[in-house]
Amino acid sequence: MRSIWTGAISFGLINIPIKLYSAVQESTLDLDMLDSKDLSHIKFQRINEKTGKEVKFADIVKGYQVDDKYIVLEEADFEAADAEKTKLIEIVNFVAEKEIDSIYYEQPYYVEPDKSGTKAYALLRDALQKSEKVGVTTFVLRNKESLAILKPYGNVIVLNRIRFAQEIRDTSDLKLPAVAKTKSKEIDMANKLVEQLTEKFDISDFKDTYTEKLMKIIKAKAKGKNPVPAKMKVVHKQSDDLMSMLKASLENKKVKKSS
């Protein structure tokens, strides 16, 4: 793996030199965009809107429009915005992980210690493990202020980038049903169905079958075969009688268990 960031974790008065590695890899197929006429590759160009000519990547700068003109920003300007954080992952505090809603989670990274920081790294990892807490951190990644948590995952510390509160859209524009204030027979029945369908979560039970099936289609077409598309299941109109639907769902689960 190639590291995408180098710096240090600040833990009290302790600085742990580290490297970050992406913890995820896409399971989707790498498909090329082609011209349907002759299957030639489609190339994307950076075009100057005034001259119509292509602009080299080295000649492209970033700018922010103020009134009727652009203010051009250089690499030094981004660092000057918060120079202290450009190479430092600072632990602000520790919290219980369950207090962080899943809507905030964004991207995980593996944290690897430099040789000089292995002892301090292990100390932090083991302290997080025993306390069942996560460290809330701030740092700069790719010229963007980032918020993240540090948590143990086996013998590695994972830095999971999370979103700021202002990045989460308000739900007030959505047309949503009111939350029931009193219990009803439907809710009791729904709770029974939830209990009946409750199992211990095992991530290994879930596979990316879409990519696998798409690869089979590609191989079949490479041999000159035209796979027959699967028929879509017809979904009938939802019944307004929720109680009967819940009862049927419970009975259906019982039948599946006994078979």
Protein backbone atom coordinates (compact mmCIF):
# COMPACT_ATOMS: atom_id res chain seq x y z
CA MET A 1 0.00 0.00 0.00
CA ARG A 2 1.09 3.56 -0.66
CA SER A 3 0.65 6.12 2.12
CA ILE A 4 -1.52 9.13 1.32
CA TRP A 5 -0.48 11.35 4.25
CA THR A 6 2.37 11.61 6.73
CA GLY A 7 2.43 13.51 9.97
CA ALA A 8 1.94 12.88 13.68
CA ILE A 9 -0.79 12.20 16.24
CA SER A 10 -0.77 14.61 19.17
CA PHE A 11 -1.77 12.75 22.36
CA GLY A 12 -1.30 15.05 25.36
CA LEU A 13 2.40 15.93 25.28
CA ILE A 14 3.16 12.85 23.17
CA ASN A 15 3.66 13.11 19.41
CA ILE A 16 3.41 9.84 17.44
CA PRO A 17 4.89 10.00 13.90
CA ILE A 18 2.51 8.15 11.57
CA LYS A 19 1.46 7.44 8.01
CA LEU A 20 -2.12 7.16 6.71
CA TYR A 21 -3.30 4.52 4.25
CA SER A 22 -6.72 4.19 2.67
CA ALA A 23 -8.56 1.37 4.45
CA VAL A 24 -11.01 0.69 1.61
CA GLN A 25 -10.86 -0.32 -2.03
CA GLU A 26 -13.66 -0.16 -4.58
CA SER A 27 -15.24 -3.47 -5.53
CA THR A 28 -16.73 -2.04 -8.72
CA LEU A 29 -15.24 -2.88 -12.12
CA ASP A 30 -12.99 -0.33 -13.80
CA LEU A 31 -14.96 0.39 -16.97
CA ASP A 32 -13.61 2.57 -19.79
CA MET A 33 -15.72 5.13 -21.66
CA LEU A 34 -15.70 4.38 -25.40
CA ASP A 35 -17.16 5.78 -28.59
CA SER A 36 -20.01 3.42 -29.61
CA LYS A 37 -19.04 3.76 -33.29
CA ASP A 38 -15.48 2.39 -33.19
CA LEU A 39 -14.83 1.71 -29.45
CA SER A 40 -12.11 4.37 -29.27
CA HIS A 41 -11.28 5.77 -25.84
CA ILE A 42 -13.02 8.99 -24.83
CA LYS A 43 -10.56 11.61 -23.58
CA PHE A 44 -11.48 14.49 -21.30
CA GLN A 45 -9.76 17.80 -21.83
CA ARG A 46 -9.44 20.93 -19.72
CA ILE A 47 -10.59 23.69 -22.05
CA ASN A 48 -10.18 27.45 -21.63
CA GLU A 49 -13.72 28.81 -22.05
CA LYS A 50 -12.47 31.96 -23.81
CA THR A 51 -9.84 30.57 -26.19
CA GLY A 52 -11.32 27.09 -26.65
CA LYS A 53 -7.79 25.67 -26.29
CA GLU A 54 -6.67 22.87 -23.96
CA VAL A 55 -4.91 23.95 -20.76
CA LYS A 56 -2.07 21.88 -19.30
CA PHE A 57 -2.63 20.61 -15.76
CA ALA A 58 0.52 22.45 -14.60
CA ASP A 59 -1.02 25.76 -15.73
CA ILE A 60 -4.25 25.32 -13.75
CA VAL A 61 -4.66 27.27 -10.50
CA LYS A 62 -7.41 27.43 -7.89
CA GLY A 63 -9.31 30.65 -7.31
CA TYR A 64 -12.24 32.08 -5.36
CA GLN A 65 -14.51 34.69 -6.91
CA VAL A 66 -14.86 37.95 -4.97
CA ASP A 67 -17.30 40.36 -6.61
CA ASP A 68 -16.26 40.36 -10.27
CA LYS A 69 -12.71 38.99 -10.00
CA TYR A 70 -10.92 35.82 -8.87
CA ILE A 71 -8.43 35.63 -6.02
CA VAL A 72 -5.85 32.97 -6.90
CA LEU A 73 -4.74 30.67 -4.06
CA GLU A 74 -1.36 28.94 -3.90
CA GLU A 75 -0.24 25.93 -1.84
CA ALA A 76 1.32 28.23 0.75
CA ASP A 77 -2.03 29.98 1.25
CA PHE A 78 -3.74 26.72 2.20
CA GLU A 79 -1.01 25.92 4.71
CA ALA A 80 -1.12 29.46 6.10
CA ALA A 81 -4.83 29.01 6.85
CA ASP A 82 -3.87 26.59 9.63
CA ALA A 83 -0.18 25.76 9.47
CA GLU A 84 -0.22 23.95 12.81
CA LYS A 85 -2.69 21.36 11.54
CA THR A 86 -1.12 20.58 8.18
CA LYS A 87 0.99 17.78 9.63
CA LEU A 88 -0.68 17.12 12.96
CA ILE A 89 -3.67 14.98 13.98
CA GLU A 90 -4.59 16.54 17.29
CA ILE A 91 -6.73 14.58 19.75
CA VAL A 92 -9.17 17.15 21.13
CA ASN A 93 -10.98 14.83 23.55
CA PHE A 94 -12.28 11.30 24.06
CA VAL A 95 -15.92 10.24 23.77
CA ALA A 96 -18.06 7.10 23.72
CA GLU A 97 -18.37 5.95 20.11
CA LYS A 98 -22.11 5.31 20.46
CA GLU A 99 -22.59 9.08 20.92
CA ILE A 100 -21.58 9.66 17.27
CA ASP A 101 -24.45 9.04 14.85
CA SER A 102 -23.63 6.93 11.79
CA ILE A 103 -24.76 9.74 9.45
CA TYR A 104 -21.51 11.57 10.25
CA TYR A 105 -19.15 8.74 9.19
CA GLU A 106 -17.33 9.33 5.91
CA GLN A 107 -13.99 7.59 5.17
CA PRO A 108 -11.70 5.19 7.10
CA TYR A 109 -7.89 5.13 7.00
CA TYR A 110 -5.31 2.81 8.56
CA VAL A 111 -2.77 4.50 10.82
CA GLU A 112 0.76 3.07 10.77
CA PRO A 113 3.40 4.26 13.25
CA ASP A 114 6.91 5.31 12.32
CA LYS A 115 9.61 3.13 13.89
CA SER A 116 10.29 5.80 16.51
CA GLY A 117 6.63 5.88 17.56
CA THR A 118 5.68 2.20 17.90
CA LYS A 119 5.67 2.20 21.72
CA ALA A 120 3.51 5.33 21.98
CA TYR A 121 1.24 4.00 19.20
CA ALA A 122 0.66 0.76 21.10
CA LEU A 123 -0.01 2.72 24.29
CA LEU A 124 -2.70 4.82 22.60
CA ARG A 125 -4.26 1.84 20.84
CA ASP A 126 -4.45 -0.25 24.01
CA ALA A 127 -5.80 2.68 26.05
CA LEU A 128 -8.59 3.19 23.51
CA GLN A 129 -9.35 -0.53 23.56
CA LYS A 130 -9.60 -0.78 27.35
CA SER A 131 -11.49 2.49 27.85
CA GLU A 132 -13.92 1.70 25.00
CA LYS A 133 -13.56 5.33 23.93
CA VAL A 134 -12.59 6.99 20.64
CA GLY A 135 -10.35 10.01 20.21
CA VAL A 136 -11.91 13.02 18.45
CA THR A 137 -9.34 14.67 16.20
CA THR A 138 -8.92 17.56 13.77
CA PHE A 139 -6.40 17.80 10.96
CA VAL A 140 -5.93 19.02 7.38
CA LEU A 141 -6.19 16.52 4.51
CA ARG A 142 -5.82 17.65 0.89
CA ASN A 143 -6.18 21.30 1.82
CA LYS A 144 -9.44 20.65 3.70
CA GLU A 145 -10.09 20.90 7.40
CA SER A 146 -11.19 17.46 8.56
CA LEU A 147 -12.84 16.08 11.66
CA ALA A 148 -12.21 12.43 12.55
CA ILE A 149 -12.13 9.82 15.28
CA LEU A 150 -9.32 7.44 16.20
CA LYS A 151 -10.41 3.93 17.22
CA PRO A 152 -8.77 0.51 17.56
CA TYR A 153 -9.55 -2.16 14.96
CA GLY A 154 -7.74 -5.34 15.92
CA ASN A 155 -4.09 -4.33 16.29
CA VAL A 156 -4.35 -1.23 14.10
CA ILE A 157 -5.63 2.25 14.88
CA VAL A 158 -8.20 3.43 12.35
CA LEU A 159 -8.75 7.09 11.63
CA ASN A 160 -12.35 7.50 10.46
CA ARG A 161 -13.08 10.87 8.91
CA ILE A 162 -16.47 12.22 9.95
CA ARG A 163 -18.53 15.13 8.66
CA PHE A 164 -19.05 18.44 10.42
CA ALA A 165 -22.59 19.19 11.64
CA GLN A 166 -23.04 21.94 9.02
CA GLU A 167 -22.41 19.39 6.26
CA ILE A 168 -25.55 17.44 7.16
CA ARG A 169 -28.66 18.68 5.39
CA ASP A 170 -31.71 19.72 7.39
CA THR A 171 -34.71 17.39 7.14
CA SER A 172 -37.35 20.12 7.54
CA ASP A 173 -38.09 20.17 3.78
CA LEU A 174 -38.96 16.46 3.75
CA LYS A 175 -42.58 15.34 4.04
CA LEU A 176 -42.39 12.83 6.92
CA PRO A 177 -45.02 11.13 9.11
CA ALA A 178 -45.20 12.17 12.76
CA VAL A 179 -43.60 9.92 15.39
CA ALA A 180 -46.26 7.92 17.24
CA LYS A 181 -46.64 9.09 20.84
CA THR A 182 -48.66 6.13 22.04
CA LYS A 183 -48.29 2.38 21.53
CA SER A 184 -50.58 0.64 19.11
CA LYS A 185 -51.29 -2.95 18.09
CA GLU A 186 -49.43 -2.33 14.83
CA ILE A 187 -46.31 -1.15 16.69
CA ASP A 188 -46.43 -4.16 19.04
CA MET A 189 -46.71 -6.47 16.03
CA ALA A 190 -43.89 -4.63 14.23
CA ASN A 191 -41.68 -5.06 17.31
CA LYS A 192 -42.39 -8.80 17.28
CA LEU A 193 -41.34 -8.95 13.64
CA VAL A 194 -38.15 -7.01 14.45
CA GLU A 195 -37.36 -9.44 17.28
CA GLN A 196 -38.06 -12.43 15.04
CA LEU A 197 -35.71 -11.13 12.35
CA THR A 198 -32.96 -10.08 14.79
CA GLU A 199 -29.61 -11.87 14.34
CA LYS A 200 -26.03 -11.20 15.32
CA PHE A 201 -24.40 -9.04 12.65
CA ASP A 202 -21.60 -10.70 10.65
CA ILE A 203 -20.18 -8.54 7.84
CA SER A 204 -18.76 -11.62 6.10
CA ASP A 205 -22.33 -12.74 5.33
CA PHE A 206 -22.66 -9.90 2.83
CA LYS A 207 -20.91 -9.93 -0.56
CA ASP A 208 -20.83 -7.60 -3.56
CA THR A 209 -22.72 -10.00 -5.83
CA TYR A 210 -23.56 -7.33 -8.43
CA THR A 211 -19.94 -6.94 -9.55
CA GLU A 212 -19.48 -10.72 -9.62
CA LYS A 213 -22.59 -11.19 -11.79
CA LEU A 214 -21.56 -8.32 -14.08
CA MET A 215 -18.14 -9.99 -14.57
CA LYS A 216 -19.89 -13.24 -15.58
CA ILE A 217 -21.88 -11.30 -18.19
CA ILE A 218 -18.66 -9.73 -19.52
CA LYS A 219 -16.98 -13.13 -19.83
CA ALA A 220 -20.06 -14.59 -21.55
CA LYS A 221 -20.18 -11.72 -24.06
CA ALA A 222 -16.45 -12.15 -24.70
CA LYS A 223 -17.29 -15.70 -25.86
CA GLY A 224 -20.02 -14.41 -28.16
CA LYS A 225 -22.93 -15.28 -25.87
CA ASN A 226 -25.81 -12.94 -25.03
CA PRO A 227 -26.96 -13.58 -21.44
CA VAL A 228 -30.71 -13.53 -20.85
CA PRO A 229 -31.59 -10.70 -18.43
CA ALA A 230 -33.27 -11.78 -15.20
CA LYS A 231 -36.96 -11.01 -14.90
CA MET A 232 -37.87 -8.23 -12.50
CA LYS A 233 -40.09 -9.25 -9.59
CA VAL A 234 -43.48 -7.57 -9.76
CA VAL A 235 -44.23 -5.56 -6.63
CA HIS A 236 -47.98 -5.28 -6.07
CA LYS A 237 -49.66 -2.30 -4.45
CA GLN A 238 -49.04 -2.11 -0.72
CA SER A 239 -52.09 -3.04 1.33
CA ASP A 240 -53.46 -0.41 3.70
CA ASP A 241 -54.20 -3.12 6.24
CA LEU A 242 -50.85 -3.05 8.07
CA MET A 243 -51.95 -5.49 10.76
CA SER A 244 -52.74 -8.26 8.26
CA MET A 245 -49.46 -7.60 6.45
CA LEU A 246 -47.51 -7.83 9.73
CA LYS A 247 -49.25 -11.07 10.70
CA ALA A 248 -48.50 -12.52 7.27
CA SER A 249 -44.85 -11.50 7.61
CA LEU A 250 -44.57 -13.24 11.00
CA GLU A 251 -46.20 -16.41 9.65
CA ASN A 252 -43.94 -16.33 6.57
CA LYS A 253 -40.85 -16.21 8.79
CA LYS A 254 -42.14 -19.17 10.85
CA VAL A 255 -42.70 -21.22 7.69
CA LYS A 256 -39.15 -20.46 6.48
CA LYS A 257 -37.67 -21.57 9.82
CA SER A 258 -39.56 -24.85 9.87
CA SER A 259 -38.74 -25.74 6.24
